[in-house]
């Protein structure tokens, strides 16, 4: 047993020496390998954290939103529709909402204007998000003006700036009273932007949506789960776009790995021949090559994953966050909660580490089974 342990230790020492002798080639391989895993892990970490963030935020969204459409275009909805929807069995409550968007040509940004159900600002006052306060250099009690639907200016006093802690959903938000919003947007008193529903039994979402469409054919019910699926689809598409952009680096690594799998260099073959001549067995050589491949691949994997973790959760994915999050003048600066999917890590490990270790062993096995004299010649 002691002899076997000593032999394995000797093989590991020789493996380390072999790696150091070809430190230039192995260093280049390690750099490319780490870059590939870094990119892949960064995209996976970021999209998974955004999925979790979206799920958390959307938990507070209405169970069903009812919108009115005309020739496929969004329209305001009459308040009389609310009475019709209330009559459907299983509907707990129906509340009209007033909200919309306003484009500010001065800052080239879109604002979201909402009439809150509670604690609405008084007539002539508004609450603004931290992003709007930043781009407009505005503070509490300042006067802020916007151009309404009729082309006339509307001036409002800033009651407060919404806390930056909630800027993921409020950075571009303007809260306004119902009277001010109707005068600003032109929505008549008997219309609302949409209706939000609470349902007694979540299993009846689909049934109630179908009943709403039958009673009000020009409406479109949107279930909360559909919104979440849309966000997931958008994040997945954007993550695929980033991976496609960096596919050139992946292709370079694949070519390098294929070259290594197709055969050993003359120096490596001569080394194997010498080892066979001095008494090494084929299993010893395969054990050495296994640890060579494992050392490079595991080091690259650990470096890539750690760098990706720091990149995503400590530098806010500064390298390619705009592609994954989308462009916006008022995009909120928020810190993602570290979320790691061990299933994704296992998949990354199997797709990057395991194949490389295998392709380093196969050519070594072919060389180790040839007569040492033939290999050295």
Foldseek 3Di string as FASTA:
>chain_A
DVVVVVLVVVLQVVLVVVCVVPVVVLVVLLVLLLVLLLLLLLLVQQLVLVLVVVVVVLVPPFQKWKFFADPRHTDWAFLVLLVVLVPDPQWDHKDFWAKDWDQDPVLRAIAIEGADPPPFDDPQEKEAEQLCCVSVVDAAQDKDWDQAPVRDIRIGGYHHYPDLVPCQPGRRYMGHHPVVRCVRHVDDPRTGRIMGTDGPDSVCPVVSQVVSCVVPVRMHMDGSVNVSVVSSVLLVVLSVVSCVVCVVSVVVSVVVLVVLLVADDLVVLLVLLVCVVVPDALVSQLSSLLVSLQVSNVVSNVSSNVSSQCCCQPVVVVPCVCSNVDDGSRNRDDGGDRDDDVVSSVVSCCVRRVVSSVSSNVNSSVSNVDNSVVSND
